[in-house]
Amino acid sequence: MPKPPNILYVFTDQMRASAMGCAQSEPVYTPHLDRFAAQGVRFENAIANTPVCTPSRASLITGRHAWTCQSIVNDIRLPEEELSIADVLQNQAAAGRKELELDLSGYAQVEV
C-alpha cells in the first residue's frame, strides 16, 4: 500500500505574492515560507476569485465558486452538506487524522 501524501494548506491573509523571499521582487526574509515553496507547489500565476477571506477560502477547500457553495461574504459558515477536501481525504488519511473546518472568522480550524 503506498504511503498517503502529506497535504498542508497554508492560507495567508492580506499578503501579496511579492511578500515572500522566494518571489525575489522585494528584500524580505521569509525562510519558512520559502522552504514550503521550494519543497512543495507554488502557484505563480494565480488569482483569488473573490476579494474577501471567507469566500476565497471556501472556494479553495471546496473547489467550487464562492457563490455556488453559498459563501459570499465573511463570517458565514459553509453549509454542513458542502463537500470539502477534508471530506474527500477523510477515509484516505492515516491514524491521527485531522479534520478541517472553516469557522465563522474564515480561518481554518484543525481539530485533533
Foldseek 3Di string as FASTA:
>chain_A
DDDDDDDDDDDDPPDDPVQDVVVVPDPHDDVVVVVCVVVHPDDPDDDFPDDDQQQSVVCVFQVDHSVVQVNHDAQDFGPPPRDGVQNVCVVVDDPPDWGWGQHRRNDIDTDD
